[in-house]
Amino acid sequence: MNVYPDFGHPQGIGASPWFTIRNNQLYPDFGHPQGIGASPWFTIRNNQLYPDFGHPQGISASPWFTIRNNQLYPDFGHPQGISASPWFTVR
């Protein structure tokens, strides 16, 4: 599965995947501004995404995103705060 920027993302909707999901982890894909990455940026736990060791800001115990209906919404741990608009869509 891939993760694409959605209408709530500050950079807008994207046609290329920013992340690929493998084994409950999100890895940067070719559409990500920083390019493909070999280390996971996020780990999925209980429908929430937590920054992992590959994330530029490091591991966090606070969720950055919540998954609802195949969309990712910024959560309280995200530096820009909670949002009612989805930043990403999983498909």
PDB file of N, CA and C in Angstrom:
ATOM      1  N   MET A   1       0.842  -1.176   0.000  1.00  0.00           N
ATOM      2  CA  MET A   1       0.000   0.000   0.000  1.00  0.00           C
ATOM      3  C   MET A   1       0.884   1.235   0.000  1.00  0.00           C
ATOM      4  N   ASN A   2       0.328   2.288  -0.586  1.00  0.00           N
ATOM      5  CA  ASN A   2       1.064   3.547  -0.669  1.00  0.00           C
ATOM      6  C   ASN A   2       0.278   4.666  -0.013  1.00  0.00           C
ATOM      7  N   VAL A   3       1.005   5.715   0.348  1.00  0.00           N
ATOM      8  CA  VAL A   3       0.423   6.863   1.039  1.00  0.00           C
ATOM      9  C   VAL A   3       0.677   8.114   0.198  1.00  0.00           C
ATOM     10  N   TYR A   4      -0.424   8.809  -0.146  1.00  0.00           N
ATOM     11  CA  TYR A   4      -0.361   9.983  -1.023  1.00  0.00           C
ATOM     12  C   TYR A   4      -0.815  11.236  -0.271  1.00  0.00           C
ATOM     13  N   PRO A   5      -0.195  12.388  -0.543  1.00  0.00           N
ATOM     14  CA  PRO A   5      -0.669  13.626   0.059  1.00  0.00           C
ATOM     15  C   PRO A   5      -2.111  13.907  -0.361  1.00  0.00           C
ATOM     16  N   ASP A   6      -2.908  14.361   0.600  1.00  0.00           N
ATOM     17  CA  ASP A   6      -4.318  14.657   0.361  1.00  0.00           C
ATOM     18  C   ASP A   6      -4.552  16.162   0.470  1.00  0.00           C
ATOM     19  N   PHE A   7      -5.811  16.586   0.326  1.00  0.00           N
ATOM     20  CA  PHE A   7      -6.129  18.012   0.248  1.00  0.00           C
ATOM     21  C   PHE A   7      -5.765  18.801   1.505  1.00  0.00           C
ATOM     22  N   GLY A   8      -5.672  18.147   2.667  1.00  0.00           N
ATOM     23  CA  GLY A   8      -5.328  18.863   3.889  1.00  0.00           C
ATOM     24  C   GLY A   8      -3.842  19.104   4.066  1.00  0.00           C
ATOM     25  N   HIS A   9      -3.021  18.443   3.259  1.00  0.00           N
ATOM     26  CA  HIS A   9      -1.574  18.591   3.382  1.00  0.00           C
ATOM     27  C   HIS A   9      -1.162  20.005   2.975  1.00  0.00           C
ATOM     28  N   PRO A  10      -0.233  20.610   3.713  1.00  0.00           N
ATOM     29  CA  PRO A  10       0.197  21.980   3.374  1.00  0.00           C
ATOM     30  C   PRO A  10       0.700  22.145   1.935  1.00  0.00           C
ATOM     31  N   GLN A  11       1.227  21.064   1.339  1.00  0.00           N
ATOM     32  CA  GLN A  11       1.712  21.153  -0.044  1.00  0.00           C
ATOM     33  C   GLN A  11       0.666  20.697  -1.053  1.00  0.00           C
ATOM     34  N   GLY A  12      -0.534  20.349  -0.570  1.00  0.00           N
ATOM     35  CA  GLY A  12      -1.621  19.967  -1.465  1.00  0.00           C
ATOM     36  C   GLY A  12      -1.605  18.510  -1.873  1.00  0.00           C
ATOM     37  N   ILE A  13      -2.542  18.162  -2.716  1.00  0.00           N
ATOM     38  CA  ILE A  13      -2.707  16.795  -3.204  1.00  0.00           C
ATOM     39  C   ILE A  13      -1.516  16.412  -4.085  1.00  0.00           C
ATOM     40  N   GLY A  14      -1.098  15.159  -3.974  1.00  0.00           N
ATOM     41  CA  GLY A  14       0.016  14.681  -4.782  1.00  0.00           C
ATOM     42  C   GLY A  14      -0.344  13.426  -5.548  1.00  0.00           C
ATOM     43  N   ALA A  15       0.211  13.290  -6.748  1.00  0.00           N
ATOM     44  CA  ALA A  15      -0.056  12.130  -7.597  1.00  0.00           C
ATOM     45  C   ALA A  15       0.942  10.997  -7.365  1.00  0.00           C
ATOM     46  N   SER A  16       2.042  11.301  -6.698  1.00  0.00           N
ATOM     47  CA  SER A  16       3.071  10.288  -6.436  1.00  0.00           C
ATOM     48  C   SER A  16       3.076   9.944  -4.948  1.00  0.00           C
ATOM     49  N   PRO A  17       3.316   8.677  -4.625  1.00  0.00           N
ATOM     50  CA  PRO A  17       3.302   8.277  -3.219  1.00  0.00           C
ATOM     51  C   PRO A  17       4.480   8.847  -2.433  1.00  0.00           C
ATOM     52  N   TRP A  18       4.170   9.355  -1.268  1.00  0.00           N
ATOM     53  CA  TRP A  18       5.213   9.845  -0.378  1.00  0.00           C
ATOM     54  C   TRP A  18       5.765   8.721   0.483  1.00  0.00           C
ATOM     55  N   PHE A  19       4.918   7.723   0.784  1.00  0.00           N
ATOM     56  CA  PHE A  19       5.345   6.618   1.635  1.00  0.00           C
ATOM     57  C   PHE A  19       4.828   5.295   1.081  1.00  0.00           C
ATOM     58  N   THR A  20       5.538   4.218   1.412  1.00  0.00           N
ATOM     59  CA  THR A  20       5.105   2.853   1.162  1.00  0.00           C
ATOM     60  C   THR A  20       4.977   2.179   2.524  1.00  0.00           C
ATOM     61  N   ILE A  21       3.905   1.399   2.699  1.00  0.00           N
ATOM     62  CA  ILE A  21       3.688   0.698   3.961  1.00  0.00           C
ATOM     63  C   ILE A  21       4.161  -0.743   3.808  1.00  0.00           C
ATOM     64  N   ARG A  22       5.083  -1.133   4.703  1.00  0.00           N
ATOM     65  CA  ARG A  22       5.577  -2.507   4.764  1.00  0.00           C
ATOM     66  C   ARG A  22       5.696  -2.901   6.234  1.00  0.00           C
ATOM     67  N   ASN A  23       5.053  -4.014   6.599  1.00  0.00           N
ATOM     68  CA  ASN A  23       5.153  -4.536   7.965  1.00  0.00           C
ATOM     69  C   ASN A  23       4.824  -3.480   9.025  1.00  0.00           C
ATOM     70  N   ASN A  24       3.726  -2.749   8.813  1.00  0.00           N
ATOM     71  CA  ASN A  24       3.264  -1.714   9.754  1.00  0.00           C
ATOM     72  C   ASN A  24       4.259  -0.566   9.934  1.00  0.00           C
ATOM     73  N   GLN A  25       5.083  -0.331   8.930  1.00  0.00           N
ATOM     74  CA  GLN A  25       6.000   0.796   8.957  1.00  0.00           C
ATOM     75  C   GLN A  25       5.896   1.561   7.641  1.00  0.00           C
ATOM     76  N   LEU A  26       6.091   2.875   7.717  1.00  0.00           N
ATOM     77  CA  LEU A  26       6.039   3.724   6.529  1.00  0.00           C
ATOM     78  C   LEU A  26       7.444   4.157   6.148  1.00  0.00           C
ATOM     79  N   TYR A  27       7.791   3.872   4.895  1.00  0.00           N
ATOM     80  CA  TYR A  27       9.099   4.220   4.351  1.00  0.00           C
ATOM     81  C   TYR A  27       8.914   5.307   3.288  1.00  0.00           C
ATOM     82  N   PRO A  28       9.781   6.317   3.259  1.00  0.00           N
ATOM     83  CA  PRO A  28       9.685   7.327   2.211  1.00  0.00           C
ATOM     84  C   PRO A  28       9.776   6.687   0.824  1.00  0.00           C
ATOM     85  N   ASP A  29       8.915   7.125  -0.073  1.00  0.00           N
ATOM     86  CA  ASP A  29       8.862   6.594  -1.435  1.00  0.00           C
ATOM     87  C   ASP A  29       9.351   7.660  -2.408  1.00  0.00           C
ATOM     88  N   PHE A  30       9.332   7.356  -3.706  1.00  0.00           N
ATOM     89  CA  PHE A  30       9.911   8.252  -4.717  1.00  0.00           C
ATOM     90  C   PHE A  30       9.223   9.614  -4.802  1.00  0.00           C
ATOM     91  N   GLY A  31       7.973   9.717  -4.374  1.00  0.00           N
ATOM     92  CA  GLY A  31       7.278  10.999  -4.422  1.00  0.00           C
ATOM     93  C   GLY A  31       7.591  11.920  -3.257  1.00  0.00           C
ATOM     94  N   HIS A  32       8.245  11.389  -2.236  1.00  0.00           N
ATOM     95  CA  HIS A  32       8.578  12.208  -1.057  1.00  0.00           C
ATOM     96  C   HIS A  32       9.626  13.250  -1.443  1.00  0.00           C
ATOM     97  N   PRO A  33       9.485  14.480  -0.940  1.00  0.00           N
ATOM     98  CA  PRO A  33      10.462  15.524  -1.284  1.00  0.00           C
ATOM     99  C   PRO A  33      11.915  15.157  -0.967  1.00  0.00           C
ATOM    100  N   GLN A  34      12.118  14.294   0.033  1.00  0.00           N
ATOM    101  CA  GLN A  34      13.491  13.895   0.381  1.00  0.00           C
ATOM    102  C   GLN A  34      13.908  12.590  -0.290  1.00  0.00           C
ATOM    103  N   GLY A  35      13.033  12.047  -1.127  1.00  0.00           N
ATOM    104  CA  GLY A  35      13.373  10.843  -1.867  1.00  0.00           C
ATOM    105  C   GLY A  35      13.118   9.556  -1.109  1.00  0.00           C
ATOM    106  N   ILE A  36      13.449   8.458  -1.747  1.00  0.00           N
ATOM    107  CA  ILE A  36      13.255   7.132  -1.178  1.00  0.00           C
ATOM    108  C   ILE A  36      14.186   6.941   0.016  1.00  0.00           C
ATOM    109  N   GLY A  37      13.659   6.242   1.042  1.00  0.00           N
ATOM    110  CA  GLY A  37      14.468   5.972   2.221  1.00  0.00           C
ATOM    111  C   GLY A  37      14.433   4.504   2.595  1.00  0.00           C
ATOM    112  N   ALA A  38      15.538   4.012   3.140  1.00  0.00           N
ATOM    113  CA  ALA A  38      15.643   2.611   3.536  1.00  0.00           C
ATOM    114  C   ALA A  38      15.233   2.388   4.988  1.00  0.00           C
ATOM    115  N   SER A  39      15.074   3.469   5.750  1.00  0.00           N
ATOM    116  CA  SER A  39      14.688   3.364   7.162  1.00  0.00           C
ATOM    117  C   SER A  39      13.266   3.868   7.344  1.00  0.00           C
ATOM    118  N   PRO A  40      12.501   3.215   8.221  1.00  0.00           N
ATOM    119  CA  PRO A  40      11.114   3.644   8.423  1.00  0.00           C
ATOM    120  C   PRO A  40      11.015   4.988   9.131  1.00  0.00           C
ATOM    121  N   TRP A  41      10.109   5.805   8.617  1.00  0.00           N
ATOM    122  CA  TRP A  41       9.853   7.094   9.243  1.00  0.00           C
ATOM    123  C   TRP A  41       8.765   6.995  10.299  1.00  0.00           C
ATOM    124  N   PHE A  42       7.812   6.087  10.097  1.00  0.00           N
ATOM    125  CA  PHE A  42       6.706   5.921  11.035  1.00  0.00           C
ATOM    126  C   PHE A  42       6.428   4.447  11.269  1.00  0.00           C
ATOM    127  N   THR A  43       5.907   4.141  12.468  1.00  0.00           N
ATOM    128  CA  THR A  43       5.420   2.815  12.801  1.00  0.00           C
ATOM    129  C   THR A  43       3.948   2.945  13.182  1.00  0.00           C
ATOM    130  N   ILE A  44       3.131   2.003  12.687  1.00  0.00           N
ATOM    131  CA  ILE A  44       1.694   2.008  12.978  1.00  0.00           C
ATOM    132  C   ILE A  44       1.446   1.159  14.220  1.00  0.00           C
ATOM    133  N   ARG A  45       0.782   1.777  15.200  1.00  0.00           N
ATOM    134  CA  ARG A  45       0.348   1.071  16.410  1.00  0.00           C
ATOM    135  C   ARG A  45      -1.054   1.559  16.761  1.00  0.00           C
ATOM    136  N   ASN A  46      -2.003   0.632  16.795  1.00  0.00           N
ATOM    137  CA  ASN A  46      -3.385   0.959  17.189  1.00  0.00           C
ATOM    138  C   ASN A  46      -3.960   2.127  16.392  1.00  0.00           C
ATOM    139  N   ASN A  47      -3.826   2.077  15.079  1.00  0.00           N
ATOM    140  CA  ASN A  47      -4.350   3.114  14.171  1.00  0.00           C
ATOM    141  C   ASN A  47      -3.726   4.489  14.379  1.00  0.00           C
ATOM    142  N   GLN A  48      -2.526   4.507  14.929  1.00  0.00           N
ATOM    143  CA  GLN A  48      -1.797   5.765  15.064  1.00  0.00           C
ATOM    144  C   GLN A  48      -0.384   5.570  14.528  1.00  0.00           C
ATOM    145  N   LEU A  49       0.180   6.657  13.986  1.00  0.00           N
ATOM    146  CA  LEU A  49       1.534   6.620  13.436  1.00  0.00           C
ATOM    147  C   LEU A  49       2.475   7.383  14.358  1.00  0.00           C
ATOM    148  N   TYR A  50       3.559   6.690  14.717  1.00  0.00           N
ATOM    149  CA  TYR A  50       4.573   7.265  15.591  1.00  0.00           C
ATOM    150  C   TYR A  50       5.874   7.403  14.816  1.00  0.00           C
ATOM    151  N   PRO A  51       6.563   8.543  14.947  1.00  0.00           N
ATOM    152  CA  PRO A  51       7.855   8.671  14.283  1.00  0.00           C
ATOM    153  C   PRO A  51       8.810   7.573  14.736  1.00  0.00           C
ATOM    154  N   ASP A  52       9.521   7.003  13.773  1.00  0.00           N
ATOM    155  CA  ASP A  52      10.446   5.913  14.026  1.00  0.00           C
ATOM    156  C   ASP A  52      11.880   6.425  13.848  1.00  0.00           C
ATOM    157  N   PHE A  53      12.866   5.536  13.999  1.00  0.00           N
ATOM    158  CA  PHE A  53      14.271   5.957  13.986  1.00  0.00           C
ATOM    159  C   PHE A  53      14.726   6.581  12.672  1.00  0.00           C
ATOM    160  N   GLY A  54      14.034   6.305  11.565  1.00  0.00           N
ATOM    161  CA  GLY A  54      14.423   6.892  10.293  1.00  0.00           C
ATOM    162  C   GLY A  54      13.924   8.314  10.098  1.00  0.00           C
ATOM    163  N   HIS A  55      12.997   8.755  10.931  1.00  0.00           N
ATOM    164  CA  HIS A  55      12.431  10.104  10.797  1.00  0.00           C
ATOM    165  C   HIS A  55      13.495  11.141  11.149  1.00  0.00           C
ATOM    166  N   PRO A  56      13.562  12.228  10.381  1.00  0.00           N
ATOM    167  CA  PRO A  56      14.587  13.253  10.634  1.00  0.00           C
ATOM    168  C   PRO A  56      14.562  13.826  12.055  1.00  0.00           C
ATOM    169  N   GLN A  57      13.385  13.836  12.690  1.00  0.00           N
ATOM    170  CA  GLN A  57      13.294  14.372  14.057  1.00  0.00           C
ATOM    171  C   GLN A  57      13.401  13.281  15.117  1.00  0.00           C
ATOM    172  N   GLY A  58      13.619  12.045  14.680  1.00  0.00           N
ATOM    173  CA  GLY A  58      13.819  10.945  15.616  1.00  0.00           C
ATOM    174  C   GLY A  58      12.536  10.308  16.114  1.00  0.00           C
ATOM    175  N   ILE A  59      12.702   9.348  16.995  1.00  0.00           N
ATOM    176  CA  ILE A  59      11.591   8.585  17.564  1.00  0.00           C
ATOM    177  C   ILE A  59      10.787   9.476  18.507  1.00  0.00           C
ATOM    178  N   SER A  60       9.469   9.225  18.536  1.00  0.00           N
ATOM    179  CA  SER A  60       8.594   9.958  19.451  1.00  0.00           C
ATOM    180  C   SER A  60       7.599   8.999  20.082  1.00  0.00           C
ATOM    181  N   ALA A  61       7.236   9.273  21.334  1.00  0.00           N
ATOM    182  CA  ALA A  61       6.234   8.476  22.039  1.00  0.00           C
ATOM    183  C   ALA A  61       4.829   9.029  21.813  1.00  0.00           C
ATOM    184  N   SER A  62       4.733  10.162  21.122  1.00  0.00           N
ATOM    185  CA  SER A  62       3.437  10.774  20.834  1.00  0.00           C
ATOM    186  C   SER A  62       3.070  10.535  19.370  1.00  0.00           C
ATOM    187  N   PRO A  63       1.813  10.186  19.110  1.00  0.00           N
ATOM    188  CA  PRO A  63       1.410   9.921  17.719  1.00  0.00           C
ATOM    189  C   PRO A  63       1.361  11.198  16.887  1.00  0.00           C
ATOM    190  N   TRP A  64       1.895  11.096  15.691  1.00  0.00           N
ATOM    191  CA  TRP A  64       1.847  12.231  14.765  1.00  0.00           C
ATOM    192  C   TRP A  64       0.613  12.185  13.889  1.00  0.00           C
ATOM    193  N   PHE A  65       0.107  10.984  13.604  1.00  0.00           N
ATOM    194  CA  PHE A  65      -1.079  10.836  12.760  1.00  0.00           C
ATOM    195  C   PHE A  65      -2.003   9.762  13.327  1.00  0.00           C
ATOM    196  N   THR A  66      -3.308   9.919  13.034  1.00  0.00           N
ATOM    197  CA  THR A  66      -4.308   8.907  13.340  1.00  0.00           C
ATOM    198  C   THR A  66      -4.923   8.469  12.022  1.00  0.00           C
ATOM    199  N   ILE A  67      -5.148   7.163  11.896  1.00  0.00           N
ATOM    200  CA  ILE A  67      -5.751   6.603  10.677  1.00  0.00           C
ATOM    201  C   ILE A  67      -7.254   6.491  10.876  1.00  0.00           C
ATOM    202  N   ARG A  68      -8.008   7.126   9.975  1.00  0.00           N
ATOM    203  CA  ARG A  68      -9.470   7.019   9.953  1.00  0.00           C
ATOM    204  C   ARG A  68      -9.906   6.884   8.501  1.00  0.00           C
ATOM    205  N   ASN A  69     -10.610   5.783   8.193  1.00  0.00           N
ATOM    206  CA  ASN A  69     -11.139   5.570   6.841  1.00  0.00           C
ATOM    207  C   ASN A  69     -10.073   5.715   5.761  1.00  0.00           C
ATOM    208  N   ASN A  70      -8.935   5.081   5.966  1.00  0.00           N
ATOM    209  CA  ASN A  70      -7.821   5.106   5.006  1.00  0.00           C
ATOM    210  C   ASN A  70      -7.244   6.495   4.767  1.00  0.00           C
ATOM    211  N   GLN A  71      -7.423   7.373   5.731  1.00  0.00           N
ATOM    212  CA  GLN A  71      -6.823   8.701   5.637  1.00  0.00           C
ATOM    213  C   GLN A  71      -6.043   8.976   6.920  1.00  0.00           C
ATOM    214  N   LEU A  72      -4.974   9.756   6.788  1.00  0.00           N
ATOM    215  CA  LEU A  72      -4.124  10.094   7.922  1.00  0.00           C
ATOM    216  C   LEU A  72      -4.354  11.538   8.323  1.00  0.00           C
ATOM    217  N   TYR A  73      -4.744  11.716   9.582  1.00  0.00           N
ATOM    218  CA  TYR A  73      -5.008  13.045  10.131  1.00  0.00           C
ATOM    219  C   TYR A  73      -3.929  13.382  11.160  1.00  0.00           C
ATOM    220  N   PRO A  74      -3.365  14.590  11.116  1.00  0.00           N
ATOM    221  CA  PRO A  74      -2.386  14.970  12.132  1.00  0.00           C
ATOM    222  C   PRO A  74      -2.997  14.853  13.530  1.00  0.00           C
ATOM    223  N   ASP A  75      -2.216  14.301  14.456  1.00  0.00           N
ATOM    224  CA  ASP A  75      -2.654  14.087  15.821  1.00  0.00           C
ATOM    225  C   ASP A  75      -1.910  15.052  16.751  1.00  0.00           C
ATOM    226  N   PHE A  76      -2.154  14.936  18.058  1.00  0.00           N
ATOM    227  CA  PHE A  76      -1.599  15.894  19.013  1.00  0.00           C
ATOM    228  C   PHE A  76      -0.075  15.904  19.068  1.00  0.00           C
ATOM    229  N   GLY A  77       0.573  14.823  18.658  1.00  0.00           N
ATOM    230  CA  GLY A  77       2.030  14.791  18.680  1.00  0.00           C
ATOM    231  C   GLY A  77       2.683  15.479  17.495  1.00  0.00           C
ATOM    232  N   HIS A  78       1.899  15.779  16.464  1.00  0.00           N
ATOM    233  CA  HIS A  78       2.450  16.430  15.272  1.00  0.00           C
ATOM    234  C   HIS A  78       2.864  17.862  15.610  1.00  0.00           C
ATOM    235  N   PRO A  79       4.008  18.319  15.122  1.00  0.00           N
ATOM    236  CA  PRO A  79       4.476  19.677  15.426  1.00  0.00           C
ATOM    237  C   PRO A  79       3.481  20.775  15.035  1.00  0.00           C
ATOM    238  N   GLN A  80       2.652  20.524  14.019  1.00  0.00           N
ATOM    239  CA  GLN A  80       1.680  21.540  13.611  1.00  0.00           C
ATOM    240  C   GLN A  80       0.309  21.332  14.252  1.00  0.00           C
ATOM    241  N   GLY A  81       0.199  20.340  15.120  1.00  0.00           N
ATOM    242  CA  GLY A  81      -1.028  20.116  15.859  1.00  0.00           C
ATOM    243  C   GLY A  81      -2.063  19.293  15.114  1.00  0.00           C
ATOM    244  N   ILE A  82      -3.195  19.123  15.763  1.00  0.00           N
ATOM    245  CA  ILE A  82      -4.307  18.334  15.229  1.00  0.00           C
ATOM    246  C   ILE A  82      -4.958  19.061  14.062  1.00  0.00           C
ATOM    247  N   SER A  83      -5.459  18.282  13.101  1.00  0.00           N
ATOM    248  CA  SER A  83      -6.167  18.853  11.957  1.00  0.00           C
ATOM    249  C   SER A  83      -7.421  18.037  11.676  1.00  0.00           C
ATOM    250  N   ALA A  84      -8.490  18.720  11.265  1.00  0.00           N
ATOM    251  CA  ALA A  84      -9.733  18.048  10.883  1.00  0.00           C
ATOM    252  C   ALA A  84      -9.692  17.603   9.430  1.00  0.00           C
ATOM    253  N   SER A  85      -8.656  18.013   8.698  1.00  0.00           N
ATOM    254  CA  SER A  85      -8.507  17.647   7.282  1.00  0.00           C
ATOM    255  C   SER A  85      -7.417  16.604   7.137  1.00  0.00           C
ATOM    256  N   PRO A  86      -7.630  15.578   6.310  1.00  0.00           N
ATOM    257  CA  PRO A  86      -6.611  14.554   6.144  1.00  0.00           C
ATOM    258  C   PRO A  86      -5.405  15.069   5.373  1.00  0.00           C
ATOM    259  N   TRP A  87      -4.246  14.707   5.850  1.00  0.00           N
ATOM    260  CA  TRP A  87      -3.010  15.080   5.160  1.00  0.00           C
ATOM    261  C   TRP A  87      -2.607  14.040   4.137  1.00  0.00           C
ATOM    262  N   PHE A  88      -3.000  12.788   4.378  1.00  0.00           N
ATOM    263  CA  PHE A  88      -2.614  11.708   3.466  1.00  0.00           C
ATOM    264  C   PHE A  88      -3.766  10.723   3.282  1.00  0.00           C
ATOM    265  N   THR A  89      -3.753  10.025   2.134  1.00  0.00           N
ATOM    266  CA  THR A  89      -4.694   8.949   1.848  1.00  0.00           C
ATOM    267  C   THR A  89      -3.899   7.684   1.559  1.00  0.00           C
ATOM    268  N   VAL A  90      -4.371   6.576   2.123  1.00  0.00           N
ATOM    269  CA  VAL A  90      -3.750   5.272   1.897  1.00  0.00           C
ATOM    270  C   VAL A  90      -4.523   4.553   0.822  1.00  0.00           C
ATOM    271  N   ARG A  91      -3.818   4.101  -0.206  1.00  0.00           N
ATOM    272  CA  ARG A  91      -4.475   3.305  -1.262  1.00  0.00           C
ATOM    273  C   ARG A  91      -3.462   2.385  -1.930  1.00  0.00           C
TER     274      ARG A  91
END
